[in-house]
Amino acid sequence: MTDERLPMPLASPKEVGFSEERLARIRPAMQKYIDDGKVPNFVTLVARRGHLVHFDAQGYMDIDTREPADRDTLFRLYSNTKPITGVATMILFEEGLLTLDDPISKYIPAFENLEVRLPDQPLLTEPARREITIRDCLAHTSGLATQSRAPLQYRTLYRDVMEALGWLDSPNGEGESVGSRPYDPRQRVETLAKLPLNFHPGTAWEYHVGYPVMSAVLEIVAGMPLDRFYRERIFEPLEMHDSDFYVDESKLSRFPPCRARRATGGLCQSRKKPRPVRRSWARRHSSVQAATEAAWSAPQGTTPVSGKCF
């Protein structure tokens, strides 16, 4: 990345009140994670008062070829897409199009009159004490059902629902693989409403599950696909030119393979050559994908995350 493409102007550490000696500790500290085989690469950035004082890349894009990572290497955002969903929600809130305490059934009627399974008797349910709100979806307190907590009896009692969600043939619970069956994100979210909740909304915490539903709500309120809303209302105004729901083929050289840690130590590569994702596919899947870690970004537009597989 050239100085002309830096996300903000450079400054000496002293100019903005930083210790140059302490900033110099960042690189060796990060290098230890690479040397220990915990991650393949890092891009780190420190800024203050609108000026960069540290911006560094280390490690390898590809461990096998030893191709070095660069400051414009693209990274998978994974759960860092959730703050973007939060920003999108607040944009629509400021425009008076929704409130945090709106029930999601206002936008998706399938979520009316939900039932909650009894903790000690999973085949019995009781009416939800209140509806799921937008706030619940954002705060991980929706109570929505998850594959990992579904009682074994659901395989019989709700077999059609679980098959539609991909929970019976998908080992990770994320649903069907691309191309296996027709995939409609809105239909998937509405199907989820057919299962009893794990707990009454607002009474407990369970990570992530409300975000696919929140993404569907955002599409309905915004009146456009979520990838387009993010691009026009967030990424383009913030000059996040490399952030999207897909990796353009022209940028694949900056996009490293995904690696995961082995139980025995070290890293394994999950895909030898990263493949582009067609915009048409991303648009069809946007309701779920925005909340399930499918956007990409380079350091230029946002705080990068490490290149490891989370």
Protein backbone atom coordinates (compact mmCIF):
# COMPACT_ATOMS: atom_id res chain seq x y z
CA MET A 1 0.00 0.00 0.00
CA THR A 2 1.46 3.35 -1.02
CA ASP A 3 1.41 6.41 1.23
CA GLU A 4 -1.21 7.90 -1.11
CA ARG A 5 -3.61 5.08 -0.18
CA LEU A 6 -3.13 5.28 3.57
CA PRO A 7 -6.42 5.63 5.46
CA MET A 8 -5.16 8.80 7.21
CA PRO A 9 -2.00 10.94 7.32
CA LEU A 10 1.13 9.82 9.12
CA ALA A 11 2.51 11.52 12.21
CA SER A 12 5.44 10.92 14.53
CA PRO A 13 4.43 9.25 17.82
CA LYS A 14 5.58 12.28 19.79
CA GLU A 15 3.30 14.62 17.83
CA VAL A 16 0.18 12.85 19.09
CA GLY A 17 1.40 11.84 22.55
CA PHE A 18 2.64 8.28 22.01
CA SER A 19 5.79 6.59 23.23
CA GLU A 20 7.86 5.44 20.27
CA GLU A 21 9.54 2.83 22.47
CA ARG A 22 6.23 1.32 23.51
CA LEU A 23 4.86 1.28 19.97
CA ALA A 24 7.97 -0.65 18.98
CA ARG A 25 6.82 -3.48 21.27
CA ILE A 26 3.84 -4.25 19.03
CA ARG A 27 5.72 -6.03 16.25
CA PRO A 28 7.64 -8.53 18.43
CA ALA A 29 4.53 -9.22 20.50
CA MET A 30 2.52 -10.06 17.37
CA GLN A 31 5.40 -12.00 15.85
CA LYS A 32 5.32 -14.42 18.78
CA TYR A 33 1.80 -15.54 17.76
CA ILE A 34 3.05 -16.16 14.22
CA ASP A 35 6.16 -18.01 15.38
CA ASP A 36 4.06 -20.18 17.70
CA GLY A 37 1.85 -21.21 14.77
CA LYS A 38 -1.29 -19.60 16.18
CA VAL A 39 -1.93 -17.25 13.24
CA PRO A 40 -0.31 -16.89 9.80
CA ASN A 41 -0.23 -13.09 9.68
CA PHE A 42 -1.17 -9.78 11.26
CA VAL A 43 -1.86 -6.25 10.12
CA THR A 44 -1.78 -3.82 13.05
CA LEU A 45 -2.73 -0.14 13.09
CA VAL A 46 -2.61 2.52 15.80
CA ALA A 47 -3.99 6.01 15.23
CA ARG A 48 -4.75 9.05 17.34
CA ARG A 49 -6.26 12.43 16.59
CA GLY A 50 -6.72 11.49 12.96
CA HIS A 51 -3.11 10.48 12.38
CA LEU A 52 -1.36 7.14 11.97
CA VAL A 53 1.56 6.36 14.26
CA HIS A 54 1.84 2.64 13.56
CA PHE A 55 0.76 0.61 10.53
CA ASP A 56 2.53 -2.70 9.97
CA ALA A 57 2.10 -6.07 8.27
CA GLN A 58 3.92 -9.24 9.22
CA GLY A 59 3.66 -12.94 8.56
CA TYR A 60 2.64 -14.69 5.38
CA MET A 61 -0.35 -14.61 3.05
CA ASP A 62 0.47 -18.21 2.20
CA ILE A 63 2.60 -20.23 4.59
CA ASP A 64 3.58 -22.74 1.90
CA THR A 65 4.88 -20.21 -0.61
CA ARG A 66 6.04 -17.72 2.08
CA GLU A 67 4.32 -14.90 0.24
CA PRO A 68 4.39 -12.02 2.74
CA ALA A 69 1.29 -10.28 4.01
CA ASP A 70 0.97 -6.61 3.13
CA ARG A 71 -0.86 -3.65 4.59
CA ASP A 72 -3.56 -3.97 1.93
CA THR A 73 -4.13 -7.70 2.52
CA LEU A 74 -7.83 -8.52 2.67
CA PHE A 75 -9.23 -10.19 5.77
CA ARG A 76 -12.44 -12.00 6.63
CA LEU A 77 -14.44 -9.87 9.05
CA TYR A 78 -16.43 -12.70 10.64
CA SER A 79 -18.22 -11.35 13.73
CA ASN A 80 -16.93 -7.84 13.10
CA THR A 81 -19.84 -7.59 10.67
CA LYS A 82 -22.12 -7.25 13.70
CA PRO A 83 -21.08 -3.64 14.47
CA ILE A 84 -21.82 -2.84 10.82
CA THR A 85 -25.31 -4.27 11.30
CA GLY A 86 -25.59 -2.06 14.39
CA VAL A 87 -24.61 1.03 12.38
CA ALA A 88 -27.20 0.16 9.72
CA THR A 89 -29.83 -0.18 12.44
CA MET A 90 -29.00 3.21 13.93
CA ILE A 91 -29.12 4.87 10.49
CA LEU A 92 -32.70 3.66 10.08
CA PHE A 93 -33.47 4.63 13.68
CA GLU A 94 -32.26 8.18 13.08
CA GLU A 95 -34.47 8.37 10.00
CA GLY A 96 -37.50 7.37 12.07
CA LEU A 97 -38.05 4.10 10.25
CA LEU A 98 -37.70 1.80 13.26
CA THR A 99 -37.06 1.85 17.01
CA LEU A 100 -35.00 -0.53 19.11
CA ASP A 101 -38.08 -1.67 20.99
CA ASP A 102 -40.12 -2.51 17.91
CA PRO A 103 -41.20 -6.16 17.95
CA ILE A 104 -39.71 -7.97 14.98
CA SER A 105 -43.21 -9.31 14.23
CA LYS A 106 -44.02 -5.78 13.08
CA TYR A 107 -41.87 -6.52 10.04
CA ILE A 108 -42.00 -10.34 9.93
CA PRO A 109 -45.44 -11.53 11.12
CA ALA A 110 -44.21 -15.13 11.45
CA PHE A 111 -42.70 -14.09 14.79
CA GLU A 112 -46.06 -13.36 16.41
CA ASN A 113 -47.41 -15.59 19.21
CA LEU A 114 -44.19 -17.50 19.83
CA GLU A 115 -43.85 -20.41 22.24
CA VAL A 116 -40.97 -21.08 24.66
CA ARG A 117 -39.89 -24.60 25.53
CA LEU A 118 -39.82 -25.50 29.21
CA PRO A 119 -36.22 -26.04 30.39
CA ASP A 120 -36.97 -29.27 32.27
CA GLN A 121 -39.56 -30.63 29.84
CA PRO A 122 -38.33 -29.90 26.30
CA LEU A 123 -41.44 -31.26 24.61
CA LEU A 124 -43.70 -28.85 26.51
CA THR A 125 -44.01 -25.14 25.76
CA GLU A 126 -45.60 -22.03 27.17
CA PRO A 127 -46.47 -18.70 25.50
CA ALA A 128 -43.63 -16.20 25.35
CA ARG A 129 -44.02 -13.53 28.01
CA ARG A 130 -43.32 -10.84 25.44
CA GLU A 131 -42.27 -10.50 21.83
CA ILE A 132 -38.72 -10.45 20.50
CA THR A 133 -37.58 -6.89 19.83
CA ILE A 134 -34.93 -5.39 17.61
CA ARG A 135 -32.98 -4.66 20.79
CA ASP A 136 -33.06 -8.37 21.67
CA CYS A 137 -31.67 -9.32 18.27
CA LEU A 138 -28.78 -6.87 18.61
CA ALA A 139 -28.06 -7.73 22.26
CA HIS A 140 -28.13 -11.53 21.79
CA THR A 141 -31.18 -11.94 24.05
CA SER A 142 -33.76 -13.04 21.46
CA GLY A 143 -34.15 -16.60 22.73
CA LEU A 144 -34.33 -17.96 19.16
CA ALA A 145 -33.73 -21.66 18.71
CA THR A 146 -30.28 -22.95 17.80
CA GLN A 147 -29.14 -26.26 16.42
CA SER A 148 -26.72 -26.87 19.28
CA ARG A 149 -29.47 -26.58 21.91
CA ALA A 150 -32.29 -28.30 20.03
CA PRO A 151 -33.57 -31.33 21.97
CA LEU A 152 -33.03 -34.66 20.24
CA GLN A 153 -36.80 -35.12 20.03
CA TYR A 154 -37.01 -32.15 17.63
CA ARG A 155 -35.59 -34.41 14.91
CA THR A 156 -38.96 -36.13 14.88
CA LEU A 157 -41.32 -33.46 16.16
CA TYR A 158 -39.99 -30.66 13.93
CA ARG A 159 -38.26 -32.70 11.25
CA ASP A 160 -39.57 -30.65 8.31
CA VAL A 161 -38.47 -27.43 9.99
CA MET A 162 -35.00 -28.73 10.82
CA GLU A 163 -34.53 -30.07 7.31
CA ALA A 164 -35.56 -26.70 5.86
CA LEU A 165 -32.99 -25.01 8.11
CA GLY A 166 -30.31 -27.50 7.07
CA TRP A 167 -29.84 -28.63 10.66
CA LEU A 168 -30.09 -32.34 9.94
CA ASP A 169 -27.50 -32.49 7.17
CA SER A 170 -25.11 -29.69 8.14
CA PRO A 171 -22.44 -30.49 10.75
CA ASN A 172 -21.84 -26.84 11.67
CA GLY A 173 -25.45 -25.70 11.84
CA GLU A 174 -25.03 -22.98 9.24
CA GLY A 175 -27.46 -24.57 6.79
CA GLU A 176 -27.12 -25.85 3.28
CA SER A 177 -24.02 -25.51 1.23
CA VAL A 178 -24.16 -23.31 -1.85
CA GLY A 179 -25.87 -25.08 -4.73
CA SER A 180 -27.36 -27.92 -2.65
CA ARG A 181 -30.96 -26.65 -2.66
CA PRO A 182 -32.83 -23.41 -3.42
CA TYR A 183 -31.92 -20.95 -0.68
CA ASP A 184 -34.19 -18.06 0.31
CA PRO A 185 -32.88 -16.07 3.30
CA ARG A 186 -36.27 -14.56 4.16
CA GLN A 187 -37.89 -17.99 4.05
CA ARG A 188 -35.13 -19.39 6.27
CA VAL A 189 -35.71 -16.69 8.89
CA GLU A 190 -39.47 -17.30 8.84
CA THR A 191 -38.85 -21.04 9.19
CA LEU A 192 -36.84 -20.38 12.35
CA ALA A 193 -39.98 -18.82 13.88
CA LYS A 194 -41.68 -22.24 13.77
CA LEU A 195 -39.43 -23.61 16.51
CA PRO A 196 -40.03 -22.89 20.21
CA LEU A 197 -37.68 -20.34 21.72
CA ASN A 198 -34.84 -21.51 23.96
CA PHE A 199 -35.79 -18.95 26.61
CA HIS A 200 -38.09 -15.99 27.12
CA PRO A 201 -36.84 -12.90 25.22
CA GLY A 202 -34.64 -10.69 27.33
CA THR A 203 -34.06 -13.23 30.10
CA ALA A 204 -30.79 -14.83 28.93
CA TRP A 205 -27.93 -14.36 26.47
CA GLU A 206 -26.97 -16.48 23.45
CA TYR A 207 -24.50 -15.26 20.88
CA HIS A 208 -25.33 -14.42 17.28
CA VAL A 209 -28.68 -16.07 16.65
CA GLY A 210 -30.69 -12.83 16.42
CA TYR A 211 -28.52 -11.28 13.72
CA PRO A 212 -29.81 -13.21 10.70
CA VAL A 213 -33.32 -12.13 11.72
CA MET A 214 -32.13 -8.55 12.24
CA SER A 215 -30.62 -8.56 8.76
CA ALA A 216 -33.96 -9.60 7.26
CA VAL A 217 -35.68 -6.78 9.18
CA LEU A 218 -33.14 -4.26 7.84
CA GLU A 219 -33.81 -5.32 4.26
CA ILE A 220 -37.55 -4.91 4.76
CA VAL A 221 -37.25 -1.48 6.41
CA ALA A 222 -34.61 -0.18 3.97
CA GLY A 223 -36.49 -1.52 0.96
CA MET A 224 -33.36 -2.86 -0.70
CA PRO A 225 -30.94 -5.80 -0.48
CA LEU A 226 -28.65 -5.53 2.51
CA ASP A 227 -25.43 -5.59 0.48
CA ARG A 228 -26.64 -2.54 -1.44
CA PHE A 229 -27.68 -0.71 1.73
CA TYR A 230 -24.31 -1.35 3.38
CA ARG A 231 -22.45 -0.27 0.27
CA GLU A 232 -24.43 2.93 -0.41
CA ARG A 233 -25.01 4.08 3.17
CA ILE A 234 -21.89 2.87 5.00
CA PHE A 235 -19.00 1.59 2.87
CA GLU A 236 -19.00 4.24 0.14
CA PRO A 237 -19.40 7.27 2.49
CA LEU A 238 -16.57 5.92 4.67
CA GLU A 239 -14.43 5.06 1.62
CA MET A 240 -14.35 1.40 2.62
CA HIS A 241 -13.68 0.44 -0.97
CA ASP A 242 -12.62 -3.13 -0.21
CA SER A 243 -15.51 -4.01 2.09
CA ASP A 244 -18.33 -6.05 0.62
CA PHE A 245 -20.23 -9.30 0.80
CA TYR A 246 -17.94 -10.86 -1.79
CA VAL A 247 -14.35 -10.79 -3.00
CA ASP A 248 -14.00 -9.35 -6.48
CA GLU A 249 -11.90 -11.49 -8.78
CA SER A 250 -9.51 -8.59 -9.36
CA LYS A 251 -8.67 -8.57 -5.62
CA LEU A 252 -8.04 -12.28 -5.11
CA SER A 253 -4.28 -11.76 -5.09
CA ARG A 254 -4.74 -9.80 -1.84
CA PHE A 255 -7.01 -12.39 -0.22
CA PRO A 256 -5.17 -15.14 1.71
CA PRO A 257 -6.35 -18.71 2.17
CA CYS A 258 -8.29 -19.44 5.32
CA ARG A 259 -6.38 -21.43 7.90
CA ALA A 260 -7.51 -23.13 11.07
CA ARG A 261 -5.56 -24.32 14.08
CA ARG A 262 -4.96 -28.04 14.43
CA ALA A 263 -5.76 -29.67 17.75
CA THR A 264 -2.16 -30.90 17.77
CA GLY A 265 -0.79 -27.41 17.10
CA GLY A 266 0.05 -25.42 14.00
CA LEU A 267 -2.21 -24.32 11.17
CA CYS A 268 -3.99 -26.16 8.40
CA GLN A 269 -5.27 -24.56 5.21
CA SER A 270 -8.98 -24.98 4.61
CA ARG A 271 -8.94 -23.89 0.96
CA LYS A 272 -5.88 -23.88 -1.27
CA LYS A 273 -6.99 -21.09 -3.59
CA PRO A 274 -9.56 -18.49 -2.49
CA ARG A 275 -12.43 -18.21 -4.93
CA PRO A 276 -14.45 -15.12 -5.83
CA VAL A 277 -18.08 -14.95 -4.78
CA ARG A 278 -20.48 -13.67 -7.41
CA ARG A 279 -22.38 -10.52 -6.49
CA SER A 280 -25.61 -12.18 -7.66
CA TRP A 281 -25.07 -14.99 -5.13
CA ALA A 282 -24.22 -12.53 -2.39
CA ARG A 283 -27.39 -10.56 -3.06
CA ARG A 284 -29.58 -13.68 -2.90
CA HIS A 285 -27.98 -14.67 0.40
CA SER A 286 -27.55 -11.22 1.93
CA SER A 287 -30.14 -11.47 4.71
CA VAL A 288 -28.22 -14.23 6.39
CA GLN A 289 -24.72 -13.56 5.20
CA ALA A 290 -24.34 -10.05 6.61
CA ALA A 291 -24.84 -11.39 10.07
CA THR A 292 -22.94 -14.60 9.62
CA GLU A 293 -19.51 -13.28 8.81
CA ALA A 294 -19.43 -13.01 5.03
CA ALA A 295 -18.26 -9.44 4.44
CA TRP A 296 -14.63 -8.76 3.60
CA SER A 297 -12.45 -5.77 4.28
CA ALA A 298 -8.92 -4.50 3.88
CA PRO A 299 -7.18 -2.32 6.49
CA GLN A 300 -7.82 0.77 4.38
CA GLY A 301 -11.42 1.07 5.43
CA THR A 302 -11.73 -0.54 8.82
CA THR A 303 -9.88 -2.09 11.70
CA PRO A 304 -8.46 -5.36 10.40
CA VAL A 305 -8.63 -8.68 12.17
CA SER A 306 -6.00 -11.37 12.08
CA GLY A 307 -5.93 -13.83 9.23
CA LYS A 308 -6.75 -16.84 11.38
CA CYS A 309 -9.87 -18.96 11.01
CA PHE A 310 -12.15 -18.18 13.94
